[in-house]
Amino acid sequence: MHLRILPPDGRVKVSAPFRMDIETIRKFVLQKLSWIEKHQAKFLQQKKETPHEYINGENHYFAGRSYLLRVVDYTGFPKVMIHDQKYIDLLISRDSDREKRKEVISDWYREHLKLRIPELVKKWEKIIGVEAKECRIKQMKTRWGSCSIKLRRVWLNLELAKKPDHCLEYVIVHELVHLLEPRHNSRFKAYMDGFMPQWRKFKKELNQGDESLLS
């Protein structure tokens, strides 16, 4: 068997004989887990997002995966579509400027989060035993999420649309737990350990290469 970590996002590829059973391959990958995580971390450290120009061929992230942007001349109302699990197609007028294209992509990210967040919040409110009065989305530069204890309002960063679902779920759990414990103390960490034992791994993945904080 042969295992490779592929750029740009550290995807794992395993080559094995056709007749080899899945369980043997699974055990092989688990034995290499620390090596895999080490090399994936290197890719994440190397990946520095430069400001997008929203032109053909750029890499854009959605739900934890990297896609190539294709700008398609379109006379109708602008829209965004995933194509062949490889491309993000931005259907927009050829005369549109960078800011307009950015706005359309951002609105698409926002709509994705609006669909995902309510079911995850409802799921974890039931598990944790709390209730947030509302959950909103906004662009934030220094936080993935925040929680107003007094208003029982959770804010989530629009950038989470680019991250894997388990990272989005981790931030939601983190903020909901603040309704039980406002500070990042041992009590808070004990709650997190109980509700989401892998939260430290998700936090590390989320913040790799970023200076972002959760509060």
C-alpha atoms as a PDB file:
ATOM      1  CA  MET A   1       0.000   0.000   0.000  1.00  0.00           C
ATOM      2  CA  HIS A   2       1.055   3.575  -0.677  1.00  0.00           C
ATOM      3  CA  LEU A   3      -0.224   6.693   1.046  1.00  0.00           C
ATOM      4  CA  ARG A   4       0.103  10.272  -0.222  1.00  0.00           C
ATOM      5  CA  ILE A   5      -0.962  13.696   1.032  1.00  0.00           C
ATOM      6  CA  LEU A   6      -2.048  15.839  -1.906  1.00  0.00           C
ATOM      7  CA  PRO A   7      -1.907  19.606  -2.283  1.00  0.00           C
ATOM      8  CA  PRO A   8      -3.381  22.119  -1.920  1.00  0.00           C
ATOM      9  CA  ASP A   9      -5.532  21.082   1.047  1.00  0.00           C
ATOM     10  CA  GLY A  10      -3.903  17.872   2.288  1.00  0.00           C
ATOM     11  CA  ARG A  11      -6.313  15.349   0.769  1.00  0.00           C
ATOM     12  CA  VAL A  12      -5.304  11.751   1.567  1.00  0.00           C
ATOM     13  CA  LYS A  13      -4.875   9.246  -1.268  1.00  0.00           C
ATOM     14  CA  VAL A  14      -4.261   5.540  -0.631  1.00  0.00           C
ATOM     15  CA  SER A  15      -3.179   3.132  -3.363  1.00  0.00           C
ATOM     16  CA  ALA A  16      -3.802  -0.545  -2.607  1.00  0.00           C
ATOM     17  CA  PRO A  17      -4.200  -3.831  -4.486  1.00  0.00           C
ATOM     18  CA  PHE A  18      -7.703  -4.236  -5.938  1.00  0.00           C
ATOM     19  CA  ARG A  19      -8.521  -7.359  -3.897  1.00  0.00           C
ATOM     20  CA  MET A  20      -7.384  -5.966  -0.553  1.00  0.00           C
ATOM     21  CA  ASP A  21     -10.270  -5.655   1.906  1.00  0.00           C
ATOM     22  CA  ILE A  22     -11.397  -2.273   3.255  1.00  0.00           C
ATOM     23  CA  GLU A  23     -10.700  -3.142   6.888  1.00  0.00           C
ATOM     24  CA  THR A  24      -7.007  -3.790   6.155  1.00  0.00           C
ATOM     25  CA  ILE A  25      -6.762  -0.437   4.365  1.00  0.00           C
ATOM     26  CA  ARG A  26      -8.552   1.315   7.237  1.00  0.00           C
ATOM     27  CA  LYS A  27      -6.131  -0.115   9.816  1.00  0.00           C
ATOM     28  CA  PHE A  28      -3.189   0.941   7.650  1.00  0.00           C
ATOM     29  CA  VAL A  29      -4.469   4.531   7.492  1.00  0.00           C
ATOM     30  CA  LEU A  30      -5.147   4.652  11.251  1.00  0.00           C
ATOM     31  CA  GLN A  31      -1.570   3.533  11.921  1.00  0.00           C
ATOM     32  CA  LYS A  32      -0.352   6.471   9.824  1.00  0.00           C
ATOM     33  CA  LEU A  33      -2.751   8.996  11.392  1.00  0.00           C
ATOM     34  CA  SER A  34      -0.134  11.068  13.229  1.00  0.00           C
ATOM     35  CA  TRP A  35       2.007  11.225  10.080  1.00  0.00           C
ATOM     36  CA  ILE A  36      -1.041  12.285   8.037  1.00  0.00           C
ATOM     37  CA  GLU A  37      -2.004  15.045  10.478  1.00  0.00           C
ATOM     38  CA  LYS A  38       1.583  16.325  10.615  1.00  0.00           C
ATOM     39  CA  HIS A  39       1.794  16.698   6.835  1.00  0.00           C
ATOM     40  CA  GLN A  40      -1.709  18.119   6.504  1.00  0.00           C
ATOM     41  CA  ALA A  41      -0.743  20.778   9.051  1.00  0.00           C
ATOM     42  CA  LYS A  42       2.202  21.752   6.847  1.00  0.00           C
ATOM     43  CA  PHE A  43      -0.111  22.334   3.896  1.00  0.00           C
ATOM     44  CA  LEU A  44      -2.393  24.464   6.053  1.00  0.00           C
ATOM     45  CA  GLN A  45       0.545  26.536   7.319  1.00  0.00           C
ATOM     46  CA  GLN A  46       1.751  27.105   3.770  1.00  0.00           C
ATOM     47  CA  LYS A  47      -1.722  28.101   2.548  1.00  0.00           C
ATOM     48  CA  LYS A  48      -1.998  31.855   2.869  1.00  0.00           C
ATOM     49  CA  GLU A  49      -5.101  33.276   1.303  1.00  0.00           C
ATOM     50  CA  THR A  50      -4.272  36.297  -0.826  1.00  0.00           C
ATOM     51  CA  PRO A  51      -7.044  38.785  -1.619  1.00  0.00           C
ATOM     52  CA  HIS A  52      -9.270  37.344  -4.320  1.00  0.00           C
ATOM     53  CA  GLU A  53      -9.753  39.092  -7.625  1.00  0.00           C
ATOM     54  CA  TYR A  54     -12.765  36.889  -8.487  1.00  0.00           C
ATOM     55  CA  ILE A  55     -11.431  35.860 -11.876  1.00  0.00           C
ATOM     56  CA  ASN A  56     -11.190  32.536 -13.705  1.00  0.00           C
ATOM     57  CA  GLY A  57      -8.863  29.951 -12.200  1.00  0.00           C
ATOM     58  CA  GLU A  58      -8.750  31.244  -8.618  1.00  0.00           C
ATOM     59  CA  ASN A  59      -8.982  28.774  -5.735  1.00  0.00           C
ATOM     60  CA  HIS A  60     -12.002  29.329  -3.521  1.00  0.00           C
ATOM     61  CA  TYR A  61     -13.044  27.244  -0.531  1.00  0.00           C
ATOM     62  CA  PHE A  62     -16.519  25.989   0.264  1.00  0.00           C
ATOM     63  CA  ALA A  63     -17.468  23.568   3.077  1.00  0.00           C
ATOM     64  CA  GLY A  64     -13.845  22.540   3.560  1.00  0.00           C
ATOM     65  CA  ARG A  65     -13.033  21.821  -0.082  1.00  0.00           C
ATOM     66  CA  SER A  66     -11.045  23.746  -2.668  1.00  0.00           C
ATOM     67  CA  TYR A  67     -12.713  24.679  -5.964  1.00  0.00           C
ATOM     68  CA  LEU A  68     -11.634  26.536  -9.089  1.00  0.00           C
ATOM     69  CA  LEU A  69     -13.647  29.630  -9.870  1.00  0.00           C
ATOM     70  CA  ARG A  70     -15.185  29.962 -13.322  1.00  0.00           C
ATOM     71  CA  VAL A  71     -16.778  33.292 -14.216  1.00  0.00           C
ATOM     72  CA  VAL A  72     -19.562  32.700 -16.758  1.00  0.00           C
ATOM     73  CA  ASP A  73     -21.065  35.600 -18.695  1.00  0.00           C
ATOM     74  CA  TYR A  74     -24.739  35.677 -17.751  1.00  0.00           C
ATOM     75  CA  THR A  75     -27.443  38.251 -18.415  1.00  0.00           C
ATOM     76  CA  GLY A  76     -29.888  37.054 -15.775  1.00  0.00           C
ATOM     77  CA  PHE A  77     -29.864  37.563 -12.015  1.00  0.00           C
ATOM     78  CA  PRO A  78     -26.337  36.634 -10.759  1.00  0.00           C
ATOM     79  CA  LYS A  79     -26.001  33.227  -9.117  1.00  0.00           C
ATOM     80  CA  VAL A  80     -23.426  30.684  -7.965  1.00  0.00           C
ATOM     81  CA  MET A  81     -23.361  26.940  -8.621  1.00  0.00           C
ATOM     82  CA  ILE A  82     -21.093  23.985  -7.820  1.00  0.00           C
ATOM     83  CA  HIS A  83     -20.191  22.085 -10.989  1.00  0.00           C
ATOM     84  CA  ASP A  84     -18.688  18.562 -11.170  1.00  0.00           C
ATOM     85  CA  GLN A  85     -17.501  18.901  -7.537  1.00  0.00           C
ATOM     86  CA  LYS A  86     -14.529  20.781  -8.987  1.00  0.00           C
ATOM     87  CA  TYR A  87     -15.729  24.228  -9.992  1.00  0.00           C
ATOM     88  CA  ILE A  88     -17.567  27.130  -8.447  1.00  0.00           C
ATOM     89  CA  ASP A  89     -19.401  28.721 -11.355  1.00  0.00           C
ATOM     90  CA  LEU A  90     -20.167  32.409 -10.891  1.00  0.00           C
ATOM     91  CA  LEU A  91     -22.865  33.357 -13.387  1.00  0.00           C
ATOM     92  CA  ILE A  92     -22.694  37.123 -13.777  1.00  0.00           C
ATOM     93  CA  SER A  93     -22.379  39.861 -16.383  1.00  0.00           C
ATOM     94  CA  ARG A  94     -18.926  40.122 -17.962  1.00  0.00           C
ATOM     95  CA  ASP A  95     -18.978  43.833 -17.125  1.00  0.00           C
ATOM     96  CA  SER A  96     -19.273  43.228 -13.391  1.00  0.00           C
ATOM     97  CA  ASP A  97     -16.447  44.539 -11.213  1.00  0.00           C
ATOM     98  CA  ARG A  98     -14.560  42.807  -8.403  1.00  0.00           C
ATOM     99  CA  GLU A  99     -16.797  44.189  -5.641  1.00  0.00           C
ATOM    100  CA  LYS A 100     -19.976  42.991  -7.320  1.00  0.00           C
ATOM    101  CA  ARG A 101     -18.545  39.499  -7.832  1.00  0.00           C
ATOM    102  CA  LYS A 102     -17.385  39.395  -4.218  1.00  0.00           C
ATOM    103  CA  GLU A 103     -20.851  40.452  -3.066  1.00  0.00           C
ATOM    104  CA  VAL A 104     -22.547  37.652  -5.032  1.00  0.00           C
ATOM    105  CA  ILE A 105     -20.128  35.009  -3.680  1.00  0.00           C
ATOM    106  CA  SER A 106     -20.558  36.323  -0.119  1.00  0.00           C
ATOM    107  CA  ASP A 107     -24.359  36.209  -0.427  1.00  0.00           C
ATOM    108  CA  TRP A 108     -24.069  32.608  -1.618  1.00  0.00           C
ATOM    109  CA  TYR A 109     -21.933  31.721   1.398  1.00  0.00           C
ATOM    110  CA  ARG A 110     -24.474  33.407   3.668  1.00  0.00           C
ATOM    111  CA  GLU A 111     -27.390  31.464   2.178  1.00  0.00           C
ATOM    112  CA  HIS A 112     -25.488  28.197   2.697  1.00  0.00           C
ATOM    113  CA  LEU A 113     -24.967  29.005   6.380  1.00  0.00           C
ATOM    114  CA  LYS A 114     -28.603  30.037   6.780  1.00  0.00           C
ATOM    115  CA  LEU A 115     -29.588  26.563   5.632  1.00  0.00           C
ATOM    116  CA  ARG A 116     -27.071  24.693   7.808  1.00  0.00           C
ATOM    117  CA  ILE A 117     -27.080  26.648  11.054  1.00  0.00           C
ATOM    118  CA  PRO A 118     -30.702  26.240  12.293  1.00  0.00           C
ATOM    119  CA  GLU A 119     -30.633  22.430  12.292  1.00  0.00           C
ATOM    120  CA  LEU A 120     -27.236  22.347  14.017  1.00  0.00           C
ATOM    121  CA  VAL A 121     -28.287  24.900  16.634  1.00  0.00           C
ATOM    122  CA  LYS A 122     -31.494  22.993  17.332  1.00  0.00           C
ATOM    123  CA  LYS A 123     -29.565  19.712  17.612  1.00  0.00           C
ATOM    124  CA  TRP A 124     -27.029  21.090  20.094  1.00  0.00           C
ATOM    125  CA  GLU A 125     -29.485  23.148  22.126  1.00  0.00           C
ATOM    126  CA  LYS A 126     -31.237  19.886  22.924  1.00  0.00           C
ATOM    127  CA  ILE A 127     -27.974  18.098  23.794  1.00  0.00           C
ATOM    128  CA  ILE A 128     -26.508  20.934  25.886  1.00  0.00           C
ATOM    129  CA  GLY A 129     -29.799  21.918  27.496  1.00  0.00           C
ATOM    130  CA  VAL A 130     -29.756  25.609  26.578  1.00  0.00           C
ATOM    131  CA  GLU A 131     -31.643  27.848  24.184  1.00  0.00           C
ATOM    132  CA  ALA A 132     -30.296  30.769  22.170  1.00  0.00           C
ATOM    133  CA  LYS A 133     -32.895  33.395  21.331  1.00  0.00           C
ATOM    134  CA  GLU A 134     -31.306  34.058  17.970  1.00  0.00           C
ATOM    135  CA  CYS A 135     -28.306  33.169  15.830  1.00  0.00           C
ATOM    136  CA  ARG A 136     -26.919  35.670  13.325  1.00  0.00           C
ATOM    137  CA  ILE A 137     -24.192  35.733  10.694  1.00  0.00           C
ATOM    138  CA  LYS A 138     -21.684  38.492  10.032  1.00  0.00           C
ATOM    139  CA  GLN A 139     -18.170  39.019   8.687  1.00  0.00           C
ATOM    140  CA  MET A 140     -15.685  39.063  11.552  1.00  0.00           C
ATOM    141  CA  LYS A 141     -11.937  39.634  11.393  1.00  0.00           C
ATOM    142  CA  THR A 142     -10.823  38.293  14.776  1.00  0.00           C
ATOM    143  CA  ARG A 143     -13.447  35.763  15.880  1.00  0.00           C
ATOM    144  CA  TRP A 144     -15.118  32.671  14.503  1.00  0.00           C
ATOM    145  CA  GLY A 145     -18.057  33.282  16.783  1.00  0.00           C
ATOM    146  CA  SER A 146     -19.285  35.197  19.794  1.00  0.00           C
ATOM    147  CA  CYS A 147     -22.091  34.955  22.320  1.00  0.00           C
ATOM    148  CA  SER A 148     -24.013  37.665  24.134  1.00  0.00           C
ATOM    149  CA  ILE A 149     -24.976  36.015  27.417  1.00  0.00           C
ATOM    150  CA  LYS A 150     -27.452  38.755  28.388  1.00  0.00           C
ATOM    151  CA  LEU A 151     -29.272  38.743  25.037  1.00  0.00           C
ATOM    152  CA  ARG A 152     -28.713  34.984  24.510  1.00  0.00           C
ATOM    153  CA  ARG A 153     -27.607  35.838  20.974  1.00  0.00           C
ATOM    154  CA  VAL A 154     -24.998  33.884  19.021  1.00  0.00           C
ATOM    155  CA  TRP A 155     -22.975  35.434  16.188  1.00  0.00           C
ATOM    156  CA  LEU A 156     -21.178  33.259  13.629  1.00  0.00           C
ATOM    157  CA  ASN A 157     -18.487  34.345  11.184  1.00  0.00           C
ATOM    158  CA  LEU A 158     -19.437  34.294   7.500  1.00  0.00           C
ATOM    159  CA  GLU A 159     -16.029  32.713   6.794  1.00  0.00           C
ATOM    160  CA  LEU A 160     -17.289  29.481   8.372  1.00  0.00           C
ATOM    161  CA  ALA A 161     -19.012  28.741   5.046  1.00  0.00           C
ATOM    162  CA  LYS A 162     -15.535  27.948   3.716  1.00  0.00           C
ATOM    163  CA  LYS A 163     -14.767  25.491   6.525  1.00  0.00           C
ATOM    164  CA  PRO A 164     -15.724  21.813   6.950  1.00  0.00           C
ATOM    165  CA  ASP A 165     -19.089  21.150   8.593  1.00  0.00           C
ATOM    166  CA  HIS A 166     -17.484  19.770  11.749  1.00  0.00           C
ATOM    167  CA  CYS A 167     -15.691  23.117  12.241  1.00  0.00           C
ATOM    168  CA  LEU A 168     -18.968  25.002  11.904  1.00  0.00           C
ATOM    169  CA  GLU A 169     -20.532  22.583  14.374  1.00  0.00           C
ATOM    170  CA  TYR A 170     -17.650  23.065  16.816  1.00  0.00           C
ATOM    171  CA  VAL A 171     -18.098  26.854  16.831  1.00  0.00           C
ATOM    172  CA  ILE A 172     -21.835  26.482  17.431  1.00  0.00           C
ATOM    173  CA  VAL A 173     -21.210  24.129  20.368  1.00  0.00           C
ATOM    174  CA  HIS A 174     -18.531  26.468  21.742  1.00  0.00           C
ATOM    175  CA  GLU A 175     -20.862  29.455  21.732  1.00  0.00           C
ATOM    176  CA  LEU A 176     -23.839  27.562  23.136  1.00  0.00           C
ATOM    177  CA  VAL A 177     -21.703  26.232  26.003  1.00  0.00           C
ATOM    178  CA  HIS A 178     -21.009  29.858  26.928  1.00  0.00           C
ATOM    179  CA  LEU A 179     -24.660  30.023  27.969  1.00  0.00           C
ATOM    180  CA  LEU A 180     -23.671  27.563  30.706  1.00  0.00           C
ATOM    181  CA  GLU A 181     -20.255  29.069  31.459  1.00  0.00           C
ATOM    182  CA  PRO A 182     -19.260  32.529  30.136  1.00  0.00           C
ATOM    183  CA  ARG A 183     -15.511  32.131  30.721  1.00  0.00           C
ATOM    184  CA  HIS A 184     -12.906  29.863  29.149  1.00  0.00           C
ATOM    185  CA  ASN A 185     -12.107  28.161  32.448  1.00  0.00           C
ATOM    186  CA  SER A 186     -11.810  24.537  33.560  1.00  0.00           C
ATOM    187  CA  ARG A 187     -15.591  24.284  33.935  1.00  0.00           C
ATOM    188  CA  PHE A 188     -16.072  25.438  30.347  1.00  0.00           C
ATOM    189  CA  LYS A 189     -13.479  22.937  29.084  1.00  0.00           C
ATOM    190  CA  ALA A 190     -15.115  20.146  31.079  1.00  0.00           C
ATOM    191  CA  TYR A 191     -18.443  20.928  29.393  1.00  0.00           C
ATOM    192  CA  MET A 192     -16.745  20.890  25.978  1.00  0.00           C
ATOM    193  CA  ASP A 193     -15.049  17.566  26.755  1.00  0.00           C
ATOM    194  CA  GLY A 194     -18.394  16.078  27.681  1.00  0.00           C
ATOM    195  CA  PHE A 195     -20.396  17.384  24.743  1.00  0.00           C
ATOM    196  CA  MET A 196     -17.732  17.213  22.000  1.00  0.00           C
ATOM    197  CA  PRO A 197     -14.644  15.158  22.990  1.00  0.00           C
ATOM    198  CA  GLN A 198     -12.813  16.058  19.746  1.00  0.00           C
ATOM    199  CA  TRP A 199     -13.253  19.810  20.152  1.00  0.00           C
ATOM    200  CA  ARG A 200      -9.524  20.502  20.597  1.00  0.00           C
ATOM    201  CA  LYS A 201      -8.767  18.793  17.296  1.00  0.00           C
ATOM    202  CA  PHE A 202     -11.479  20.803  15.543  1.00  0.00           C
ATOM    203  CA  LYS A 203     -10.242  24.035  17.119  1.00  0.00           C
ATOM    204  CA  LYS A 204      -6.692  23.349  15.947  1.00  0.00           C
ATOM    205  CA  GLU A 205      -7.899  22.617  12.425  1.00  0.00           C
ATOM    206  CA  LEU A 206     -10.042  25.738  12.365  1.00  0.00           C
ATOM    207  CA  ASN A 207      -7.318  28.076  13.593  1.00  0.00           C
ATOM    208  CA  GLN A 208      -4.411  26.585  11.660  1.00  0.00           C
ATOM    209  CA  GLY A 209      -2.704  29.457   9.901  1.00  0.00           C
ATOM    210  CA  ASP A 210      -5.152  31.971  11.366  1.00  0.00           C
ATOM    211  CA  GLU A 211      -4.956  34.388  14.265  1.00  0.00           C
ATOM    212  CA  SER A 212      -8.644  33.970  14.964  1.00  0.00           C
ATOM    213  CA  LEU A 213     -10.048  33.635  18.463  1.00  0.00           C
ATOM    214  CA  LEU A 214     -13.239  32.252  19.927  1.00  0.00           C
ATOM    215  CA  SER A 215     -14.913  34.080  22.772  1.00  0.00           C
END
